[in-house]
PDB file of N, CA and C in Angstrom:
ATOM      1  N   MET A   1      19.208  20.805   5.741  1.00  0.00           N
ATOM      2  CA  MET A   1      19.304  19.869   6.838  1.00  0.00           C
ATOM      3  C   MET A   1      19.407  18.406   6.391  1.00  0.00           C
ATOM      4  N   GLU A   2      20.140  17.686   7.149  1.00  0.00           N
ATOM      5  CA  GLU A   2      20.409  16.292   6.789  1.00  0.00           C
ATOM      6  C   GLU A   2      19.410  15.347   7.537  1.00  0.00           C
ATOM      7  N   GLU A   3      18.752  14.489   6.821  1.00  0.00           N
ATOM      8  CA  GLU A   3      17.832  13.521   7.304  1.00  0.00           C
ATOM      9  C   GLU A   3      18.630  12.329   7.946  1.00  0.00           C
ATOM     10  N   LYS A   4      18.387  12.057   9.200  1.00  0.00           N
ATOM     11  CA  LYS A   4      19.030  10.946   9.921  1.00  0.00           C
ATOM     12  C   LYS A   4      18.167   9.688   9.824  1.00  0.00           C
ATOM     13  N   SER A   5      18.649   8.660   9.383  1.00  0.00           N
ATOM     14  CA  SER A   5      17.850   7.403   9.257  1.00  0.00           C
ATOM     15  C   SER A   5      18.443   6.435  10.266  1.00  0.00           C
ATOM     16  N   PHE A   6      17.603   5.830  11.010  1.00  0.00           N
ATOM     17  CA  PHE A   6      18.049   4.939  12.046  1.00  0.00           C
ATOM     18  C   PHE A   6      17.711   3.452  11.575  1.00  0.00           C
ATOM     19  N   VAL A   7      18.646   2.591  11.745  1.00  0.00           N
ATOM     20  CA  VAL A   7      18.383   1.114  11.433  1.00  0.00           C
ATOM     21  C   VAL A   7      18.185   0.448  12.800  1.00  0.00           C
ATOM     22  N   HIS A   8      17.023  -0.150  12.935  1.00  0.00           N
ATOM     23  CA  HIS A   8      16.744  -0.873  14.255  1.00  0.00           C
ATOM     24  C   HIS A   8      17.028  -2.318  13.993  1.00  0.00           C
ATOM     25  N   ASN A   9      17.611  -2.993  14.989  1.00  0.00           N
ATOM     26  CA  ASN A   9      17.728  -4.477  14.910  1.00  0.00           C
ATOM     27  C   ASN A   9      16.710  -5.120  15.832  1.00  0.00           C
ATOM     28  N   TYR A  10      15.699  -4.410  16.286  1.00  0.00           N
ATOM     29  CA  TYR A  10      14.687  -4.993  16.979  1.00  0.00           C
ATOM     30  C   TYR A  10      13.446  -4.230  16.737  1.00  0.00           C
ATOM     31  N   LYS A  11      12.300  -4.763  17.251  1.00  0.00           N
ATOM     32  CA  LYS A  11      11.085  -3.938  17.080  1.00  0.00           C
ATOM     33  C   LYS A  11      10.440  -4.098  18.460  1.00  0.00           C
ATOM     34  N   ARG A  12       9.436  -3.161  18.796  1.00  0.00           N
ATOM     35  CA  ARG A  12       8.788  -3.159  20.131  1.00  0.00           C
ATOM     36  C   ARG A  12       7.386  -3.487  19.895  1.00  0.00           C
ATOM     37  N   CYS A  13       6.922  -4.281  20.844  1.00  0.00           N
ATOM     38  CA  CYS A  13       5.443  -4.710  20.779  1.00  0.00           C
ATOM     39  C   CYS A  13       4.589  -3.526  21.059  1.00  0.00           C
ATOM     40  N   PRO A  14       3.513  -3.254  20.375  1.00  0.00           N
ATOM     41  CA  PRO A  14       2.672  -2.064  20.590  1.00  0.00           C
ATOM     42  C   PRO A  14       1.810  -2.130  21.803  1.00  0.00           C
ATOM     43  N   GLU A  15       1.686  -3.327  22.376  1.00  0.00           N
ATOM     44  CA  GLU A  15       0.878  -3.528  23.546  1.00  0.00           C
ATOM     45  C   GLU A  15       1.595  -3.381  24.901  1.00  0.00           C
ATOM     46  N   CYS A  16       2.759  -4.083  24.973  1.00  0.00           N
ATOM     47  CA  CYS A  16       3.527  -4.151  26.125  1.00  0.00           C
ATOM     48  C   CYS A  16       4.958  -3.508  26.095  1.00  0.00           C
ATOM     49  N   LEU A  17       5.315  -3.061  24.838  1.00  0.00           N
ATOM     50  CA  LEU A  17       6.637  -2.442  24.601  1.00  0.00           C
ATOM     51  C   LEU A  17       7.843  -3.304  24.848  1.00  0.00           C
ATOM     52  N   THR A  18       7.679  -4.626  24.739  1.00  0.00           N
ATOM     53  CA  THR A  18       8.740  -5.511  24.979  1.00  0.00           C
ATOM     54  C   THR A  18       9.622  -5.530  23.648  1.00  0.00           C
ATOM     55  N   ASN A  19      10.913  -5.565  23.723  1.00  0.00           N
ATOM     56  CA  ASN A  19      11.691  -5.704  22.512  1.00  0.00           C
ATOM     57  C   ASN A  19      11.764  -7.064  21.982  1.00  0.00           C
ATOM     58  N   LEU A  20      11.488  -7.189  20.643  1.00  0.00           N
ATOM     59  CA  LEU A  20      11.303  -8.335  19.879  1.00  0.00           C
ATOM     60  C   LEU A  20      12.335  -8.502  18.714  1.00  0.00           C
ATOM     61  N   PRO A  21      12.678  -9.601  18.259  1.00  0.00           N
ATOM     62  CA  PRO A  21      13.487  -9.675  16.967  1.00  0.00           C
ATOM     63  C   PRO A  21      12.683  -9.169  15.834  1.00  0.00           C
ATOM     64  N   LEU A  22      13.318  -8.778  14.768  1.00  0.00           N
ATOM     65  CA  LEU A  22      12.631  -8.178  13.597  1.00  0.00           C
ATOM     66  C   LEU A  22      11.831  -9.215  12.948  1.00  0.00           C
ATOM     67  N   ASN A  23      12.062 -10.575  13.032  1.00  0.00           N
ATOM     68  CA  ASN A  23      11.318 -11.553  12.362  1.00  0.00           C
ATOM     69  C   ASN A  23      10.255 -12.131  13.255  1.00  0.00           C
ATOM     70  N   ALA A  24       9.920 -11.615  14.425  1.00  0.00           N
ATOM     71  CA  ALA A  24       9.000 -12.185  15.328  1.00  0.00           C
ATOM     72  C   ALA A  24       7.489 -11.852  14.804  1.00  0.00           C
ATOM     73  N   LYS A  25       6.691 -12.819  14.857  1.00  0.00           N
ATOM     74  CA  LYS A  25       5.250 -12.742  14.510  1.00  0.00           C
ATOM     75  C   LYS A  25       4.425 -12.508  15.600  1.00  0.00           C
ATOM     76  N   ALA A  26       4.828 -12.842  16.868  1.00  0.00           N
ATOM     77  CA  ALA A  26       4.025 -12.612  18.069  1.00  0.00           C
ATOM     78  C   ALA A  26       4.884 -12.294  19.229  1.00  0.00           C
ATOM     79  N   CYS A  27       4.324 -11.511  20.129  1.00  0.00           N
ATOM     80  CA  CYS A  27       5.151 -11.061  21.256  1.00  0.00           C
ATOM     81  C   CYS A  27       5.322 -12.207  22.269  1.00  0.00           C
ATOM     82  N   THR A  28       6.500 -12.256  22.900  1.00  0.00           N
ATOM     83  CA  THR A  28       6.796 -13.394  23.678  1.00  0.00           C
ATOM     84  C   THR A  28       6.186 -13.022  25.116  1.00  0.00           C
ATOM     85  N   SER A  29       5.929 -11.885  25.410  1.00  0.00           N
ATOM     86  CA  SER A  29       5.356 -11.512  26.804  1.00  0.00           C
ATOM     87  C   SER A  29       3.884 -11.608  26.783  1.00  0.00           C
ATOM     88  N   CYS A  30       3.181 -10.824  25.883  1.00  0.00           N
ATOM     89  CA  CYS A  30       1.691 -10.808  25.949  1.00  0.00           C
ATOM     90  C   CYS A  30       0.973 -11.636  24.866  1.00  0.00           C
ATOM     91  N   LYS A  31       1.816 -12.362  24.052  1.00  0.00           N
ATOM     92  CA  LYS A  31       1.217 -13.200  23.065  1.00  0.00           C
ATOM     93  C   LYS A  31       0.367 -12.579  21.921  1.00  0.00           C
ATOM     94  N   GLN A  32       0.451 -11.296  21.780  1.00  0.00           N
ATOM     95  CA  GLN A  32      -0.192 -10.613  20.748  1.00  0.00           C
ATOM     96  C   GLN A  32       0.468 -10.747  19.381  1.00  0.00           C
ATOM     97  N   LYS A  33      -0.209 -10.834  18.325  1.00  0.00           N
ATOM     98  CA  LYS A  33       0.346 -10.915  16.962  1.00  0.00           C
ATOM     99  C   LYS A  33       0.910  -9.522  16.675  1.00  0.00           C
ATOM    100  N   VAL A  34       2.171  -9.378  16.047  1.00  0.00           N
ATOM    101  CA  VAL A  34       2.703  -8.111  15.649  1.00  0.00           C
ATOM    102  C   VAL A  34       3.038  -8.202  14.213  1.00  0.00           C
ATOM    103  N   GLY A  35       3.078  -7.014  13.596  1.00  0.00           N
ATOM    104  CA  GLY A  35       3.381  -6.863  12.200  1.00  0.00           C
ATOM    105  C   GLY A  35       4.863  -6.344  12.073  1.00  0.00           C
ATOM    106  N   ASP A  36       5.175  -5.746  10.913  1.00  0.00           N
ATOM    107  CA  ASP A  36       6.432  -5.204  10.653  1.00  0.00           C
ATOM    108  C   ASP A  36       6.799  -3.951  11.501  1.00  0.00           C
ATOM    109  N   ALA A  37       8.011  -3.586  11.636  1.00  0.00           N
ATOM    110  CA  ALA A  37       8.293  -2.405  12.334  1.00  0.00           C
ATOM    111  C   ALA A  37       8.239  -1.197  11.605  1.00  0.00           C
ATOM    112  N   ASP A  38       7.816  -0.031  12.068  1.00  0.00           N
ATOM    113  CA  ASP A  38       7.815   1.227  11.473  1.00  0.00           C
ATOM    114  C   ASP A  38       9.164   1.922  11.521  1.00  0.00           C
ATOM    115  N   LYS A  39       9.263   3.092  11.157  1.00  0.00           N
ATOM    116  CA  LYS A  39      10.490   3.831  11.124  1.00  0.00           C
ATOM    117  C   LYS A  39      11.074   4.123  12.460  1.00  0.00           C
ATOM    118  N   ASN A  40      10.182   4.117  13.524  1.00  0.00           N
ATOM    119  CA  ASN A  40      10.596   4.340  14.925  1.00  0.00           C
ATOM    120  C   ASN A  40      10.930   3.012  15.661  1.00  0.00           C
ATOM    121  N   GLY A  41      10.733   1.901  14.990  1.00  0.00           N
ATOM    122  CA  GLY A  41      11.037   0.572  15.645  1.00  0.00           C
ATOM    123  C   GLY A  41       9.820   0.005  16.343  1.00  0.00           C
ATOM    124  N   LEU A  42       8.664   0.644  16.299  1.00  0.00           N
ATOM    125  CA  LEU A  42       7.406   0.081  17.004  1.00  0.00           C
ATOM    126  C   LEU A  42       6.750  -0.825  15.975  1.00  0.00           C
ATOM    127  N   ALA A  43       6.438  -2.013  16.366  1.00  0.00           N
ATOM    128  CA  ALA A  43       5.746  -2.915  15.536  1.00  0.00           C
ATOM    129  C   ALA A  43       4.313  -2.549  15.279  1.00  0.00           C
ATOM    130  N   LYS A  44       3.825  -2.770  14.079  1.00  0.00           N
ATOM    131  CA  LYS A  44       2.477  -2.412  13.675  1.00  0.00           C
ATOM    132  C   LYS A  44       1.475  -3.505  14.377  1.00  0.00           C
ATOM    133  N   ARG A  45       0.313  -3.081  14.592  1.00  0.00           N
ATOM    134  CA  ARG A  45      -0.672  -3.999  15.154  1.00  0.00           C
ATOM    135  C   ARG A  45      -1.225  -4.901  14.018  1.00  0.00           C
ATOM    136  N   ALA A  46      -1.341  -6.155  14.288  1.00  0.00           N
ATOM    137  CA  ALA A  46      -1.956  -7.031  13.247  1.00  0.00           C
ATOM    138  C   ALA A  46      -3.441  -6.746  13.151  1.00  0.00           C
ATOM    139  N   ILE A  47      -3.933  -6.971  12.000  1.00  0.00           N
ATOM    140  CA  ILE A  47      -5.405  -6.715  11.753  1.00  0.00           C
ATOM    141  C   ILE A  47      -6.223  -7.846  12.374  1.00  0.00           C
ATOM    142  N   ASN A  48      -7.163  -7.468  13.144  1.00  0.00           N
ATOM    143  CA  ASN A  48      -8.069  -8.349  13.787  1.00  0.00           C
ATOM    144  C   ASN A  48      -9.199  -8.752  12.846  1.00  0.00           C
ATOM    145  N   TRP A  49      -9.055  -9.743  11.998  1.00  0.00           N
ATOM    146  CA  TRP A  49     -10.032 -10.140  11.016  1.00  0.00           C
ATOM    147  C   TRP A  49     -11.235 -10.759  11.654  1.00  0.00           C
ATOM    148  N   ARG A  50     -10.949 -11.399  12.748  1.00  0.00           N
ATOM    149  CA  ARG A  50     -12.174 -12.108  13.462  1.00  0.00           C
ATOM    150  C   ARG A  50     -13.014 -10.997  13.965  1.00  0.00           C
ATOM    151  N   GLY A  51     -12.542  -9.924  14.465  1.00  0.00           N
ATOM    152  CA  GLY A  51     -13.342  -8.823  14.986  1.00  0.00           C
ATOM    153  C   GLY A  51     -14.228  -8.206  13.825  1.00  0.00           C
ATOM    154  N   TYR A  52     -13.605  -8.046  12.655  1.00  0.00           N
ATOM    155  CA  TYR A  52     -14.362  -7.424  11.508  1.00  0.00           C
ATOM    156  C   TYR A  52     -15.319  -8.422  11.073  1.00  0.00           C
ATOM    157  N   PHE A  53     -15.075  -9.737  10.987  1.00  0.00           N
ATOM    158  CA  PHE A  53     -16.094 -10.652  10.604  1.00  0.00           C
ATOM    159  C   PHE A  53     -17.276 -10.821  11.555  1.00  0.00           C
ATOM    160  N   MET A  54     -17.001 -10.661  12.799  1.00  0.00           N
ATOM    161  CA  MET A  54     -18.050 -10.775  13.894  1.00  0.00           C
ATOM    162  C   MET A  54     -18.925  -9.458  13.739  1.00  0.00           C
ATOM    163  N   LEU A  55     -18.305  -8.257  13.418  1.00  0.00           N
ATOM    164  CA  LEU A  55     -18.999  -7.054  13.219  1.00  0.00           C
ATOM    165  C   LEU A  55     -19.982  -7.205  12.038  1.00  0.00           C
ATOM    166  N   LEU A  56     -19.454  -7.737  10.946  1.00  0.00           N
ATOM    167  CA  LEU A  56     -20.283  -7.951   9.717  1.00  0.00           C
ATOM    168  C   LEU A  56     -21.503  -8.902  10.150  1.00  0.00           C
ATOM    169  N   ILE A  57     -21.337  -9.951  10.835  1.00  0.00           N
ATOM    170  CA  ILE A  57     -22.364 -10.879  11.163  1.00  0.00           C
ATOM    171  C   ILE A  57     -23.357 -10.060  12.130  1.00  0.00           C
ATOM    172  N   SER A  58     -22.924  -9.268  12.997  1.00  0.00           N
ATOM    173  CA  SER A  58     -23.765  -8.576  13.952  1.00  0.00           C
ATOM    174  C   SER A  58     -24.620  -7.570  13.226  1.00  0.00           C
ATOM    175  N   TRP A  59     -24.080  -6.831  12.310  1.00  0.00           N
ATOM    176  CA  TRP A  59     -24.812  -5.792  11.500  1.00  0.00           C
ATOM    177  C   TRP A  59     -25.915  -6.530  10.621  1.00  0.00           C
ATOM    178  N   THR A  60     -25.521  -7.671  10.079  1.00  0.00           N
ATOM    179  CA  THR A  60     -26.379  -8.423   9.233  1.00  0.00           C
ATOM    180  C   THR A  60     -27.558  -8.927  10.066  1.00  0.00           C
ATOM    181  N   ALA A  61     -27.234  -9.461  11.188  1.00  0.00           N
ATOM    182  CA  ALA A  61     -28.331 -10.011  12.115  1.00  0.00           C
ATOM    183  C   ALA A  61     -29.255  -8.873  12.598  1.00  0.00           C
ATOM    184  N   LEU A  62     -28.696  -7.711  12.912  1.00  0.00           N
ATOM    185  CA  LEU A  62     -29.567  -6.527  13.254  1.00  0.00           C
ATOM    186  C   LEU A  62     -30.377  -6.071  12.096  1.00  0.00           C
ATOM    187  N   PHE A  63     -29.881  -6.058  10.941  1.00  0.00           N
ATOM    188  CA  PHE A  63     -30.635  -5.678   9.706  1.00  0.00           C
ATOM    189  C   PHE A  63     -31.873  -6.620   9.573  1.00  0.00           C
ATOM    190  N   PHE A  64     -31.563  -7.938   9.612  1.00  0.00           N
ATOM    191  CA  PHE A  64     -32.653  -8.910   9.400  1.00  0.00           C
ATOM    192  C   PHE A  64     -33.687  -8.878  10.547  1.00  0.00           C
ATOM    193  N   TYR A  65     -33.226  -8.574  11.789  1.00  0.00           N
ATOM    194  CA  TYR A  65     -34.186  -8.415  12.871  1.00  0.00           C
ATOM    195  C   TYR A  65     -35.054  -7.221  12.701  1.00  0.00           C
ATOM    196  N   VAL A  66     -34.506  -6.104  12.301  1.00  0.00           N
ATOM    197  CA  VAL A  66     -35.354  -4.952  12.114  1.00  0.00           C
ATOM    198  C   VAL A  66     -36.315  -5.204  10.913  1.00  0.00           C
ATOM    199  N   TRP A  67     -35.813  -5.786   9.875  1.00  0.00           N
ATOM    200  CA  TRP A  67     -36.726  -6.088   8.654  1.00  0.00           C
ATOM    201  C   TRP A  67     -37.882  -7.027   9.153  1.00  0.00           C
ATOM    202  N   TRP A  68     -37.521  -8.097   9.925  1.00  0.00           N
ATOM    203  CA  TRP A  68     -38.623  -9.065  10.365  1.00  0.00           C
ATOM    204  C   TRP A  68     -39.445  -8.427  11.341  1.00  0.00           C
ATOM    205  N   ALA A  69     -39.051  -7.511  12.288  1.00  0.00           N
ATOM    206  CA  ALA A  69     -39.847  -6.984  13.381  1.00  0.00           C
ATOM    207  C   ALA A  69     -40.787  -5.844  12.809  1.00  0.00           C
ATOM    208  N   PHE A  70     -40.302  -5.110  11.839  1.00  0.00           N
ATOM    209  CA  PHE A  70     -41.076  -3.897  11.534  1.00  0.00           C
ATOM    210  C   PHE A  70     -41.550  -3.888  10.022  1.00  0.00           C
ATOM    211  N   PHE A  71     -40.945  -4.642   9.144  1.00  0.00           N
ATOM    212  CA  PHE A  71     -41.450  -4.530   7.699  1.00  0.00           C
ATOM    213  C   PHE A  71     -41.928  -5.775   7.095  1.00  0.00           C
ATOM    214  N   GLN A  72     -42.170  -6.785   7.921  1.00  0.00           N
ATOM    215  CA  GLN A  72     -42.635  -8.034   7.342  1.00  0.00           C
ATOM    216  C   GLN A  72     -44.094  -8.011   7.231  1.00  0.00           C
TER     217      GLN A  72
END
């Protein structure tokens, strides 16, 4: 069997499915950051570093609270 490869000249926003140029960094409709397109033409979601940072701060605060409340 022969593999068919498609060349896309646009990518689609993963949130609202709007067609975007290949060099777009953010969606024009929903303003979400988008990454490179995959083999199906769907843009990858950008990594939410602020969310990971807030998660780290929250876990650290919980750890120190439990230590202060129960082990001090």
